[in-house]
């Protein structure tokens, strides 16, 4: 019989020493719902991240609010909430080099996380324009109040139930402290970050 060398022995032991995929960690303590305070916590943490928010009971006047926030700047509306106004269209005919001319992006949020004020976006909400939330000066996200969950544990549980590919949690405008150890807003991306929450917290 051929002698087994050390390398083969090591590889065999590694193969046999796989960890158990099933864990007995109790995550129940992290899934205690706090929906009553989720909207308040989301807004407070968003402001702590240098973001801002507006709360609308209904979406009836959403276009009016959006146009006021846009304030005449060039914008790309991926939500369909603005009609009869010129929005950038990504039909494949515009060179990505021109995207830097867009000053405001309007995108639907998929999930809001109360514990850190983050908003989850995916390819569907970004319409596969993955750079858009990061190249504009100002970002506006539309989030239904029912989409706000208490913690990241709840967020990942929700993500496990929906079909999604590329995505990102965004929690405020671009910030860096690398420039002479001073906090700079907008050095690498958006200078402002607004979340418009639609719906009454009573409907959660």
N, C-alpha and C. Protein backbone atom coordinates (compact mmCIF):
# COMPACT_ATOMS: atom_id res chain seq x y z
N UNK A 1 0.85 -1.20 0.00
CA UNK A 1 0.00 0.00 0.00
C UNK A 1 0.88 1.25 0.00
N UNK A 2 0.47 2.23 -0.79
CA UNK A 2 1.27 3.45 -0.90
C UNK A 2 1.23 4.22 0.41
N UNK A 3 2.40 4.67 0.84
CA UNK A 3 2.51 5.39 2.11
C UNK A 3 1.85 6.77 1.98
N UNK A 4 1.07 7.11 2.97
CA UNK A 4 0.40 8.41 2.98
C UNK A 4 1.37 9.47 3.48
N UNK A 5 1.57 10.52 2.69
CA UNK A 5 2.52 11.55 3.11
C UNK A 5 1.87 12.55 4.06
N UNK A 6 2.69 13.41 4.62
CA UNK A 6 2.21 14.37 5.62
C UNK A 6 1.18 15.33 5.04
N UNK A 7 1.40 15.76 3.81
CA UNK A 7 0.48 16.71 3.19
C UNK A 7 -0.91 16.10 3.07
N UNK A 8 -0.97 14.85 2.65
CA UNK A 8 -2.26 14.18 2.51
C UNK A 8 -2.95 14.03 3.85
N UNK A 9 -2.17 13.71 4.88
CA UNK A 9 -2.73 13.58 6.22
C UNK A 9 -3.34 14.89 6.70
N UNK A 10 -2.59 15.97 6.47
CA UNK A 10 -3.06 17.29 6.91
C UNK A 10 -4.36 17.67 6.19
N UNK A 11 -4.38 17.48 4.87
CA UNK A 11 -5.58 17.82 4.10
C UNK A 11 -6.78 16.97 4.53
N UNK A 12 -6.52 15.72 4.83
CA UNK A 12 -7.60 14.83 5.28
C UNK A 12 -8.16 15.30 6.62
N UNK A 13 -7.27 15.68 7.53
CA UNK A 13 -7.72 16.14 8.85
C UNK A 13 -8.51 17.44 8.74
N UNK A 14 -8.06 18.31 7.86
CA UNK A 14 -8.79 19.56 7.65
C UNK A 14 -10.19 19.28 7.11
N UNK A 15 -10.27 18.36 6.17
CA UNK A 15 -11.56 18.00 5.58
C UNK A 15 -12.51 17.40 6.61
N UNK A 16 -11.95 16.62 7.52
CA UNK A 16 -12.77 15.96 8.53
C UNK A 16 -13.15 16.89 9.67
N UNK A 17 -12.44 17.99 9.79
CA UNK A 17 -12.63 18.87 10.94
C UNK A 17 -13.50 20.08 10.59
N UNK A 18 -14.53 19.86 9.80
CA UNK A 18 -15.42 20.95 9.44
C UNK A 18 -16.33 21.29 10.62
N UNK A 19 -16.55 22.58 10.85
CA UNK A 19 -17.45 22.96 11.96
C UNK A 19 -18.89 22.58 11.66
N UNK A 20 -19.63 22.44 12.70
CA UNK A 20 -21.05 22.12 12.58
C UNK A 20 -21.80 23.34 12.08
N UNK A 21 -22.53 23.19 10.97
CA UNK A 21 -23.27 24.31 10.41
C UNK A 21 -24.44 24.73 11.29
N UNK A 22 -24.91 23.81 12.11
CA UNK A 22 -26.05 24.11 12.96
C UNK A 22 -25.56 24.65 14.31
N UNK A 23 -25.99 25.85 14.63
CA UNK A 23 -25.59 26.46 15.90
C UNK A 23 -26.76 26.44 16.87
N UNK A 24 -26.42 26.51 18.13
CA UNK A 24 -27.44 26.52 19.18
C UNK A 24 -27.54 27.89 19.85
N UNK A 25 -27.07 28.91 19.13
CA UNK A 25 -27.12 30.26 19.70
C UNK A 25 -28.55 30.76 19.69
N UNK A 26 -29.00 31.22 20.82
CA UNK A 26 -30.36 31.75 20.94
C UNK A 26 -30.35 33.23 20.56
N UNK A 27 -30.95 33.54 19.42
CA UNK A 27 -31.01 34.93 18.95
C UNK A 27 -32.32 35.60 19.34
N UNK A 28 -33.12 34.92 20.11
CA UNK A 28 -34.43 35.45 20.46
C UNK A 28 -34.39 36.81 21.12
N UNK A 29 -33.36 37.04 21.94
CA UNK A 29 -33.26 38.33 22.64
C UNK A 29 -33.10 39.50 21.68
N UNK A 30 -32.58 39.23 20.47
CA UNK A 30 -32.37 40.31 19.51
C UNK A 30 -33.61 40.60 18.68
N UNK A 31 -34.61 39.76 18.79
CA UNK A 31 -35.80 39.92 17.97
C UNK A 31 -37.00 40.42 18.78
N UNK A 32 -36.71 41.05 19.91
CA UNK A 32 -37.78 41.65 20.70
C UNK A 32 -38.27 42.89 19.96
N UNK A 33 -39.50 42.86 19.52
CA UNK A 33 -40.03 43.96 18.72
C UNK A 33 -40.24 45.20 19.57
N UNK A 34 -39.84 46.32 18.98
CA UNK A 34 -40.05 47.61 19.61
C UNK A 34 -40.64 48.55 18.57
N UNK A 35 -41.66 48.05 17.88
CA UNK A 35 -42.24 48.82 16.78
C UNK A 35 -42.81 50.16 17.24
N UNK A 36 -43.22 50.22 18.48
CA UNK A 36 -43.82 51.46 19.00
C UNK A 36 -42.84 52.62 18.91
N UNK A 37 -41.55 52.33 19.15
CA UNK A 37 -40.54 53.38 19.14
C UNK A 37 -39.63 53.33 17.92
N UNK A 38 -39.93 52.46 16.96
CA UNK A 38 -39.02 52.28 15.82
C UNK A 38 -38.86 53.55 15.00
N UNK A 39 -39.95 54.24 14.73
CA UNK A 39 -39.87 55.46 13.92
C UNK A 39 -39.08 56.53 14.66
N UNK A 40 -39.35 56.69 15.95
CA UNK A 40 -38.62 57.68 16.75
C UNK A 40 -37.14 57.35 16.78
N UNK A 41 -36.81 56.09 17.03
CA UNK A 41 -35.41 55.68 17.08
C UNK A 41 -34.73 55.86 15.73
N UNK A 42 -35.44 55.53 14.67
CA UNK A 42 -34.88 55.69 13.32
C UNK A 42 -34.53 57.16 13.08
N UNK A 43 -35.45 58.04 13.37
CA UNK A 43 -35.23 59.47 13.12
C UNK A 43 -34.09 60.01 13.98
N UNK A 44 -34.04 59.62 15.24
CA UNK A 44 -32.99 60.11 16.13
C UNK A 44 -31.61 59.65 15.66
N UNK A 45 -31.51 58.39 15.28
CA UNK A 45 -30.22 57.86 14.83
C UNK A 45 -29.83 58.42 13.47
N UNK A 46 -30.81 58.68 12.63
CA UNK A 46 -30.54 59.30 11.34
C UNK A 46 -29.94 60.68 11.52
N UNK A 47 -30.51 61.47 12.42
CA UNK A 47 -29.98 62.81 12.70
C UNK A 47 -28.58 62.72 13.30
N UNK A 48 -28.36 61.74 14.17
CA UNK A 48 -27.02 61.53 14.73
C UNK A 48 -26.00 61.24 13.63
N UNK A 49 -26.46 60.67 12.52
CA UNK A 49 -25.58 60.37 11.39
C UNK A 49 -25.45 61.55 10.42
N UNK A 50 -25.97 62.72 10.84
CA UNK A 50 -25.97 63.93 10.01
C UNK A 50 -26.93 63.84 8.83
N UNK A 51 -27.90 62.94 8.92
CA UNK A 51 -28.96 62.90 7.94
C UNK A 51 -30.15 63.72 8.42
N UNK A 52 -31.20 63.73 7.62
CA UNK A 52 -32.41 64.48 7.99
C UNK A 52 -33.63 63.67 7.56
N UNK A 53 -34.79 64.07 8.05
CA UNK A 53 -36.00 63.32 7.73
C UNK A 53 -37.21 64.24 7.66
N UNK A 54 -38.20 63.79 6.93
CA UNK A 54 -39.52 64.40 6.92
C UNK A 54 -40.53 63.27 7.09
N UNK A 55 -41.62 63.54 7.78
CA UNK A 55 -42.67 62.54 7.96
C UNK A 55 -43.96 63.07 7.33
N UNK A 56 -44.49 62.31 6.39
CA UNK A 56 -45.75 62.65 5.74
C UNK A 56 -46.79 61.59 6.08
N UNK A 57 -47.94 62.02 6.53
CA UNK A 57 -49.00 61.06 6.85
C UNK A 57 -49.48 60.33 5.60
N UNK A 58 -49.49 61.06 4.48
CA UNK A 58 -49.94 60.46 3.22
C UNK A 58 -49.01 60.92 2.10
N UNK A 59 -49.09 60.22 0.98
CA UNK A 59 -48.22 60.54 -0.15
C UNK A 59 -48.86 61.52 -1.13
N UNK A 60 -50.00 62.09 -0.75
CA UNK A 60 -50.75 62.95 -1.66
C UNK A 60 -49.92 64.13 -2.17
N UNK A 61 -49.16 64.75 -1.27
CA UNK A 61 -48.39 65.93 -1.66
C UNK A 61 -46.90 65.63 -1.77
N UNK A 62 -46.58 64.37 -2.06
CA UNK A 62 -45.17 63.97 -2.12
C UNK A 62 -44.42 64.70 -3.22
N UNK A 63 -45.04 64.86 -4.39
CA UNK A 63 -44.36 65.56 -5.48
C UNK A 63 -44.04 67.00 -5.08
N UNK A 64 -44.97 67.65 -4.46
CA UNK A 64 -44.75 69.04 -4.03
C UNK A 64 -43.57 69.13 -3.06
N UNK A 65 -43.51 68.20 -2.12
CA UNK A 65 -42.42 68.18 -1.14
C UNK A 65 -41.09 67.91 -1.84
N UNK A 66 -41.08 66.96 -2.77
CA UNK A 66 -39.85 66.62 -3.48
C UNK A 66 -39.33 67.79 -4.30
N UNK A 67 -40.22 68.46 -5.01
CA UNK A 67 -39.80 69.60 -5.83
C UNK A 67 -39.23 70.72 -4.97
N UNK A 68 -39.79 70.89 -3.79
CA UNK A 68 -39.25 71.90 -2.87
C UNK A 68 -37.85 71.53 -2.43
N UNK A 69 -37.61 70.25 -2.15
CA UNK A 69 -36.29 69.81 -1.72
C UNK A 69 -35.28 69.86 -2.87
N UNK A 70 -35.74 69.56 -4.07
CA UNK A 70 -34.86 69.61 -5.24
C UNK A 70 -34.42 71.04 -5.53
N UNK A 71 -35.35 71.97 -5.37
CA UNK A 71 -35.05 73.40 -5.46
C UNK A 71 -34.40 73.78 -6.80
N UNK A 72 -34.94 73.24 -7.88
CA UNK A 72 -34.48 73.63 -9.21
C UNK A 72 -33.23 72.94 -9.70
N UNK A 73 -32.65 72.07 -8.91
CA UNK A 73 -31.43 71.38 -9.33
C UNK A 73 -31.77 70.20 -10.25
N UNK A 74 -30.80 69.76 -11.03
CA UNK A 74 -31.01 68.59 -11.88
C UNK A 74 -31.18 67.36 -11.01
N UNK A 75 -32.08 66.47 -11.40
CA UNK A 75 -32.38 65.33 -10.53
C UNK A 75 -32.70 64.08 -11.35
N UNK A 76 -32.57 62.95 -10.69
CA UNK A 76 -32.98 61.66 -11.26
C UNK A 76 -33.97 61.04 -10.29
N UNK A 77 -35.20 60.89 -10.74
CA UNK A 77 -36.26 60.31 -9.91
C UNK A 77 -36.48 58.86 -10.34
N UNK A 78 -36.11 57.93 -9.49
CA UNK A 78 -36.31 56.51 -9.78
C UNK A 78 -37.56 55.96 -9.10
N UNK A 79 -38.36 56.84 -8.53
CA UNK A 79 -39.55 56.40 -7.79
C UNK A 79 -40.85 56.60 -8.55
N UNK A 80 -40.83 57.44 -9.56
CA UNK A 80 -42.05 57.73 -10.31
C UNK A 80 -42.99 58.68 -9.60
N UNK A 81 -42.49 59.37 -8.58
CA UNK A 81 -43.34 60.28 -7.81
C UNK A 81 -43.40 61.68 -8.40
N UNK A 82 -42.51 61.98 -9.35
CA UNK A 82 -42.51 63.30 -9.96
C UNK A 82 -42.93 63.16 -11.42
N UNK A 83 -44.00 63.85 -11.78
CA UNK A 83 -44.50 63.81 -13.16
C UNK A 83 -44.50 65.23 -13.71
N UNK A 84 -44.44 65.32 -15.03
CA UNK A 84 -44.49 66.61 -15.73
C UNK A 84 -43.31 67.50 -15.39
N UNK A 85 -42.22 66.91 -14.95
CA UNK A 85 -40.98 67.66 -14.72
C UNK A 85 -39.83 66.83 -15.27
N UNK A 86 -38.81 67.51 -15.77
CA UNK A 86 -37.72 66.84 -16.46
C UNK A 86 -36.80 66.12 -15.48
N UNK A 87 -36.85 64.79 -15.52
CA UNK A 87 -35.95 63.97 -14.73
C UNK A 87 -34.97 63.27 -15.66
N UNK A 88 -33.79 63.00 -15.16
CA UNK A 88 -32.83 62.25 -15.95
C UNK A 88 -33.38 60.86 -16.24
N UNK A 89 -33.14 60.38 -17.45
CA UNK A 89 -33.58 59.04 -17.84
C UNK A 89 -32.37 58.19 -18.21
N UNK A 90 -32.28 57.02 -17.60
CA UNK A 90 -31.16 56.13 -17.87
C UNK A 90 -31.61 55.08 -18.89
N UNK A 91 -31.56 55.48 -20.15
CA UNK A 91 -32.03 54.58 -21.21
C UNK A 91 -30.90 53.96 -22.00
N UNK A 92 -29.69 54.07 -21.48
CA UNK A 92 -28.54 53.49 -22.16
C UNK A 92 -27.91 54.40 -23.19
N UNK A 93 -28.54 55.55 -23.45
CA UNK A 93 -28.01 56.47 -24.46
C UNK A 93 -27.13 57.54 -23.85
N UNK A 94 -27.17 57.68 -22.54
CA UNK A 94 -26.40 58.72 -21.86
C UNK A 94 -25.12 58.12 -21.33
N UNK A 95 -24.02 58.74 -21.64
CA UNK A 95 -22.72 58.26 -21.16
C UNK A 95 -22.64 58.41 -19.65
N UNK A 96 -22.11 57.40 -18.95
CA UNK A 96 -21.93 57.52 -17.49
C UNK A 96 -21.11 58.74 -17.09
N UNK A 97 -20.30 59.25 -18.01
CA UNK A 97 -19.50 60.43 -17.70
C UNK A 97 -20.39 61.65 -17.42
N UNK A 98 -21.60 61.62 -17.95
CA UNK A 98 -22.52 62.74 -17.76
C UNK A 98 -23.30 62.64 -16.46
N UNK A 99 -23.22 61.48 -15.80
CA UNK A 99 -24.01 61.29 -14.59
C UNK A 99 -23.60 62.26 -13.49
N UNK A 100 -22.37 62.76 -13.57
CA UNK A 100 -21.92 63.70 -12.55
C UNK A 100 -22.70 65.01 -12.59
N UNK A 101 -23.45 65.23 -13.68
CA UNK A 101 -24.27 66.44 -13.78
C UNK A 101 -25.54 66.33 -12.93
N UNK A 102 -25.86 65.12 -12.49
CA UNK A 102 -27.05 64.94 -11.66
C UNK A 102 -26.74 65.39 -10.23
N UNK A 103 -27.54 66.26 -9.70
CA UNK A 103 -27.29 66.80 -8.36
C UNK A 103 -28.11 66.12 -7.27
N UNK A 104 -29.28 65.60 -7.63
CA UNK A 104 -30.17 65.00 -6.62
C UNK A 104 -30.68 63.66 -7.14
N UNK A 105 -30.64 62.65 -6.28
CA UNK A 105 -31.24 61.35 -6.63
C UNK A 105 -32.41 61.08 -5.69
N UNK A 106 -33.47 60.51 -6.25
CA UNK A 106 -34.65 60.14 -5.47
C UNK A 106 -34.88 58.65 -5.66
N UNK A 107 -34.78 57.89 -4.58
CA UNK A 107 -34.79 56.43 -4.67
C UNK A 107 -35.70 55.87 -3.57
N UNK A 108 -36.43 54.83 -3.89
CA UNK A 108 -37.24 54.14 -2.88
C UNK A 108 -36.36 53.30 -1.97
N UNK A 109 -36.54 53.46 -0.67
CA UNK A 109 -35.86 52.59 0.28
C UNK A 109 -36.63 51.29 0.42
N UNK A 110 -35.92 50.19 0.68
CA UNK A 110 -36.56 48.89 0.84
C UNK A 110 -36.81 48.60 2.32
N UNK A 111 -35.82 48.89 3.15
CA UNK A 111 -35.91 48.65 4.59
C UNK A 111 -35.25 49.82 5.31
N UNK A 112 -35.84 50.26 6.41
CA UNK A 112 -35.21 51.22 7.30
C UNK A 112 -34.89 50.54 8.62
N UNK A 113 -33.73 50.84 9.19
CA UNK A 113 -33.29 50.18 10.42
C UNK A 113 -33.26 51.21 11.55
N UNK A 114 -34.10 51.00 12.55
CA UNK A 114 -34.25 51.99 13.61
C UNK A 114 -32.98 52.17 14.44
N UNK A 115 -32.25 51.09 14.70
CA UNK A 115 -31.13 51.17 15.63
C UNK A 115 -29.95 51.97 15.10
N UNK A 116 -29.88 52.19 13.77
CA UNK A 116 -28.76 52.96 13.24
C UNK A 116 -29.15 53.97 12.15
N UNK A 117 -30.43 54.06 11.84
CA UNK A 117 -30.88 55.03 10.86
C UNK A 117 -30.53 54.69 9.42
N UNK A 118 -30.17 53.44 9.16
CA UNK A 118 -29.76 53.03 7.82
C UNK A 118 -30.95 52.70 6.94
N UNK A 119 -30.75 52.88 5.64
CA UNK A 119 -31.75 52.52 4.63
C UNK A 119 -31.13 51.50 3.69
N UNK A 120 -31.84 50.41 3.44
CA UNK A 120 -31.36 49.38 2.51
C UNK A 120 -31.90 49.64 1.11
N UNK A 121 -30.99 49.66 0.14
CA UNK A 121 -31.35 49.78 -1.27
C UNK A 121 -30.89 48.53 -2.00
N UNK A 122 -31.57 48.17 -3.08
CA UNK A 122 -31.08 47.06 -3.89
C UNK A 122 -31.18 47.44 -5.37
N UNK A 123 -30.83 46.49 -6.23
CA UNK A 123 -30.81 46.77 -7.67
C UNK A 123 -32.16 47.21 -8.20
N UNK A 124 -33.24 46.67 -7.63
CA UNK A 124 -34.57 47.05 -8.11
C UNK A 124 -34.84 48.53 -7.82
N UNK A 125 -34.56 48.95 -6.60
CA UNK A 125 -34.83 50.34 -6.25
C UNK A 125 -33.87 51.30 -6.95
N UNK A 126 -32.64 50.83 -7.23
CA UNK A 126 -31.67 51.68 -7.93
C UNK A 126 -31.74 51.50 -9.44
N UNK A 127 -32.64 50.62 -9.89
CA UNK A 127 -32.80 50.32 -11.32
C UNK A 127 -31.46 49.99 -11.97
N UNK A 128 -30.64 49.27 -11.22
CA UNK A 128 -29.32 48.81 -11.66
C UNK A 128 -28.33 49.94 -11.91
N UNK A 129 -28.67 51.16 -11.50
CA UNK A 129 -27.71 52.27 -11.57
C UNK A 129 -27.04 52.35 -10.20
N UNK A 130 -26.10 51.45 -9.96
CA UNK A 130 -25.57 51.27 -8.61
C UNK A 130 -24.75 52.45 -8.11
N UNK A 131 -24.24 53.25 -9.01
CA UNK A 131 -23.42 54.39 -8.58
C UNK A 131 -24.25 55.60 -8.17
N UNK A 132 -25.52 55.61 -8.56
CA UNK A 132 -26.33 56.83 -8.39
C UNK A 132 -26.37 57.36 -6.96
N UNK A 133 -26.59 56.53 -5.93
CA UNK A 133 -26.67 57.08 -4.57
C UNK A 133 -25.35 57.64 -4.05
N UNK A 134 -24.27 57.40 -4.79
CA UNK A 134 -22.95 57.78 -4.29
C UNK A 134 -22.30 58.92 -5.07
N UNK A 135 -22.85 59.26 -6.25
CA UNK A 135 -22.19 60.28 -7.08
C UNK A 135 -22.90 61.62 -7.05
N UNK A 136 -24.11 61.66 -6.50
CA UNK A 136 -24.85 62.92 -6.48
C UNK A 136 -24.48 63.75 -5.24
N UNK A 137 -24.87 65.01 -5.26
CA UNK A 137 -24.62 65.88 -4.11
C UNK A 137 -25.65 65.67 -3.00
N UNK A 138 -26.86 65.29 -3.40
CA UNK A 138 -27.95 65.18 -2.43
C UNK A 138 -28.77 63.92 -2.72
N UNK A 139 -29.01 63.13 -1.68
CA UNK A 139 -29.82 61.92 -1.84
C UNK A 139 -31.13 62.07 -1.07
N UNK A 140 -32.21 61.63 -1.71
CA UNK A 140 -33.52 61.60 -1.07
C UNK A 140 -34.06 60.18 -1.19
N UNK A 141 -34.46 59.62 -0.06
CA UNK A 141 -35.00 58.26 -0.04
C UNK A 141 -36.45 58.30 0.43
N UNK A 142 -37.31 57.57 -0.26
CA UNK A 142 -38.71 57.46 0.13
C UNK A 142 -38.88 56.13 0.85
N UNK A 143 -39.41 56.20 2.06
CA UNK A 143 -39.52 54.99 2.89
C UNK A 143 -40.90 54.93 3.52
N UNK A 144 -41.61 53.85 3.29
CA UNK A 144 -42.90 53.66 3.95
C UNK A 144 -42.67 53.34 5.42
N UNK A 145 -43.49 53.87 6.28
CA UNK A 145 -43.31 53.68 7.71
C UNK A 145 -43.33 52.19 8.09
N UNK A 146 -44.07 51.39 7.33
CA UNK A 146 -44.16 49.96 7.63
C UNK A 146 -42.86 49.21 7.29
N UNK A 147 -41.96 49.87 6.58
CA UNK A 147 -40.70 49.24 6.19
C UNK A 147 -39.60 49.45 7.24
N UNK A 148 -39.90 50.15 8.30
CA UNK A 148 -38.91 50.39 9.35
C UNK A 148 -38.94 49.25 10.36
N UNK A 149 -37.79 48.64 10.58
CA UNK A 149 -37.67 47.53 11.53
C UNK A 149 -36.77 47.96 12.68
N UNK A 150 -36.89 47.30 13.84
CA UNK A 150 -36.14 47.75 15.02
C UNK A 150 -34.62 47.62 14.92
N UNK A 151 -34.12 46.47 14.43
CA UNK A 151 -32.68 46.21 14.50
C UNK A 151 -32.17 45.62 13.19
N UNK A 152 -30.82 45.50 13.09
CA UNK A 152 -30.21 44.87 11.93
C UNK A 152 -30.58 43.40 11.85
N UNK A 153 -30.83 42.77 13.00
CA UNK A 153 -31.27 41.38 12.98
C UNK A 153 -32.60 41.26 12.25
N UNK A 154 -33.52 42.17 12.53
CA UNK A 154 -34.80 42.18 11.83
C UNK A 154 -34.59 42.45 10.34
N UNK A 155 -33.66 43.35 10.04
CA UNK A 155 -33.41 43.72 8.64
C UNK A 155 -32.92 42.52 7.84
N UNK A 156 -31.96 41.78 8.40
CA UNK A 156 -31.43 40.63 7.67
C UNK A 156 -32.45 39.50 7.59
N UNK A 157 -33.30 39.40 8.59
CA UNK A 157 -34.38 38.42 8.52
C UNK A 157 -35.32 38.76 7.36
N UNK A 158 -35.62 40.05 7.21
CA UNK A 158 -36.49 40.49 6.13
C UNK A 158 -35.82 40.29 4.77
N UNK A 159 -34.51 40.55 4.70
CA UNK A 159 -33.80 40.36 3.44
C UNK A 159 -33.78 38.90 3.01
N UNK A 160 -33.83 38.00 3.99
CA UNK A 160 -33.85 36.58 3.66
C UNK A 160 -35.15 36.13 3.03
N UNK A 161 -36.17 36.98 3.09
CA UNK A 161 -37.49 36.61 2.56
C UNK A 161 -37.80 37.26 1.22
N UNK A 162 -36.91 38.15 0.75
CA UNK A 162 -37.16 38.82 -0.52
C UNK A 162 -36.04 38.51 -1.49
N UNK A 163 -36.37 38.58 -2.77
CA UNK A 163 -35.37 38.34 -3.80
C UNK A 163 -34.56 39.61 -4.00
N UNK A 164 -33.29 39.54 -3.72
CA UNK A 164 -32.45 40.72 -3.85
C UNK A 164 -31.05 40.28 -4.25
N UNK A 165 -30.35 41.13 -4.93
CA UNK A 165 -28.98 40.84 -5.33
C UNK A 165 -28.06 41.85 -4.68
N UNK A 166 -27.45 42.71 -5.51
CA UNK A 166 -26.61 43.77 -4.98
C UNK A 166 -27.44 44.71 -4.13
N UNK A 167 -26.88 45.16 -3.05
CA UNK A 167 -27.57 46.11 -2.20
C UNK A 167 -26.61 46.80 -1.27
N UNK A 168 -27.10 47.81 -0.58
CA UNK A 168 -26.26 48.56 0.34
C UNK A 168 -27.11 49.19 1.42
N UNK A 169 -26.57 49.18 2.64
CA UNK A 169 -27.15 49.97 3.72
C UNK A 169 -26.47 51.34 3.70
N UNK A 170 -27.27 52.39 3.62
CA UNK A 170 -26.73 53.75 3.63
C UNK A 170 -27.30 54.48 4.83
N UNK A 171 -26.42 55.03 5.64
CA UNK A 171 -26.86 55.65 6.90
C UNK A 171 -26.31 57.06 7.03
N UNK A 172 -26.75 57.94 6.15
CA UNK A 172 -26.31 59.32 6.24
C UNK A 172 -25.47 59.74 5.06
N UNK A 173 -25.08 61.01 5.01
CA UNK A 173 -24.25 61.51 3.92
C UNK A 173 -22.82 60.99 4.01
N UNK A 174 -22.04 61.30 2.99
CA UNK A 174 -20.63 60.90 2.99
C UNK A 174 -19.88 61.66 4.08
N UNK A 175 -19.07 60.94 4.84
CA UNK A 175 -18.29 61.57 5.92
C UNK A 175 -16.90 60.96 5.97
N UNK A 176 -15.92 61.78 6.26
CA UNK A 176 -14.56 61.28 6.48
C UNK A 176 -13.86 62.14 7.52
N UNK A 177 -12.99 61.51 8.28
CA UNK A 177 -12.19 62.23 9.27
C UNK A 177 -10.72 62.17 8.93
N UNK A 178 -10.39 61.76 7.70
CA UNK A 178 -8.99 61.58 7.31
C UNK A 178 -8.31 62.88 6.91
N UNK A 179 -9.08 63.92 6.64
CA UNK A 179 -8.50 65.17 6.17
C UNK A 179 -8.14 66.03 7.38
N UNK A 180 -6.87 66.01 7.75
CA UNK A 180 -6.37 66.77 8.90
C UNK A 180 -7.18 66.49 10.15
N UNK A 181 -7.73 65.27 10.25
CA UNK A 181 -8.48 64.82 11.41
C UNK A 181 -9.70 65.69 11.71
N UNK A 182 -10.23 66.31 10.67
CA UNK A 182 -11.47 67.08 10.79
C UNK A 182 -12.59 66.32 10.08
N UNK A 183 -13.77 66.33 10.65
CA UNK A 183 -14.91 65.67 10.03
C UNK A 183 -15.38 66.50 8.84
N UNK A 184 -15.34 65.89 7.66
CA UNK A 184 -15.75 66.56 6.43
C UNK A 184 -16.97 65.84 5.87
N UNK A 185 -18.02 66.59 5.61
CA UNK A 185 -19.25 66.04 5.04
C UNK A 185 -19.20 66.21 3.52
N UNK A 186 -19.43 65.12 2.80
CA UNK A 186 -19.51 65.20 1.35
C UNK A 186 -18.20 65.11 0.60
N UNK A 187 -17.14 64.71 1.26
CA UNK A 187 -15.83 64.64 0.59
C UNK A 187 -15.81 63.56 -0.47
N UNK A 188 -16.47 62.45 -0.22
CA UNK A 188 -16.42 61.31 -1.14
C UNK A 188 -17.78 60.97 -1.73
N UNK A 189 -18.79 61.75 -1.45
CA UNK A 189 -20.13 61.41 -1.93
C UNK A 189 -21.11 62.50 -1.56
N UNK A 190 -22.37 62.13 -1.34
CA UNK A 190 -23.42 63.11 -1.08
C UNK A 190 -23.14 64.00 0.14
N UNK A 191 -23.53 65.26 -0.01
CA UNK A 191 -23.38 66.23 1.08
C UNK A 191 -24.61 66.24 1.99
N UNK A 192 -25.73 65.75 1.48
CA UNK A 192 -26.93 65.70 2.32
C UNK A 192 -27.68 64.40 2.05
N UNK A 193 -28.44 63.99 3.06
CA UNK A 193 -29.13 62.70 3.03
C UNK A 193 -30.48 62.90 3.71
N UNK A 194 -31.54 62.82 2.92
CA UNK A 194 -32.90 63.05 3.44
C UNK A 194 -33.74 61.79 3.25
N UNK A 195 -34.41 61.39 4.32
CA UNK A 195 -35.35 60.27 4.24
C UNK A 195 -36.76 60.82 4.46
N UNK A 196 -37.63 60.60 3.49
CA UNK A 196 -39.02 61.00 3.62
C UNK A 196 -39.82 59.76 4.01
N UNK A 197 -40.35 59.77 5.22
CA UNK A 197 -41.11 58.64 5.75
C UNK A 197 -42.59 58.89 5.49
N UNK A 198 -43.21 57.97 4.78
CA UNK A 198 -44.61 58.14 4.38
C UNK A 198 -45.49 57.19 5.18
N UNK A 199 -46.51 57.74 5.82
CA UNK A 199 -47.44 56.93 6.59
C UNK A 199 -47.39 57.28 8.06
N UNK A 200 -48.47 57.00 8.75
CA UNK A 200 -48.55 57.27 10.18
C UNK A 200 -47.91 56.14 10.96
N UNK A 201 -47.21 56.48 12.03
CA UNK A 201 -46.59 55.46 12.88
C UNK A 201 -47.65 54.57 13.54
N UNK A 202 -48.89 55.06 13.60
CA UNK A 202 -49.97 54.26 14.17
C UNK A 202 -50.32 53.05 13.30
N UNK A 203 -49.89 53.12 12.01
CA UNK A 203 -50.22 52.04 11.08
C UNK A 203 -49.19 50.93 11.07
N UNK A 204 -48.14 51.04 11.90
CA UNK A 204 -47.10 50.02 11.91
C UNK A 204 -47.63 48.71 12.45
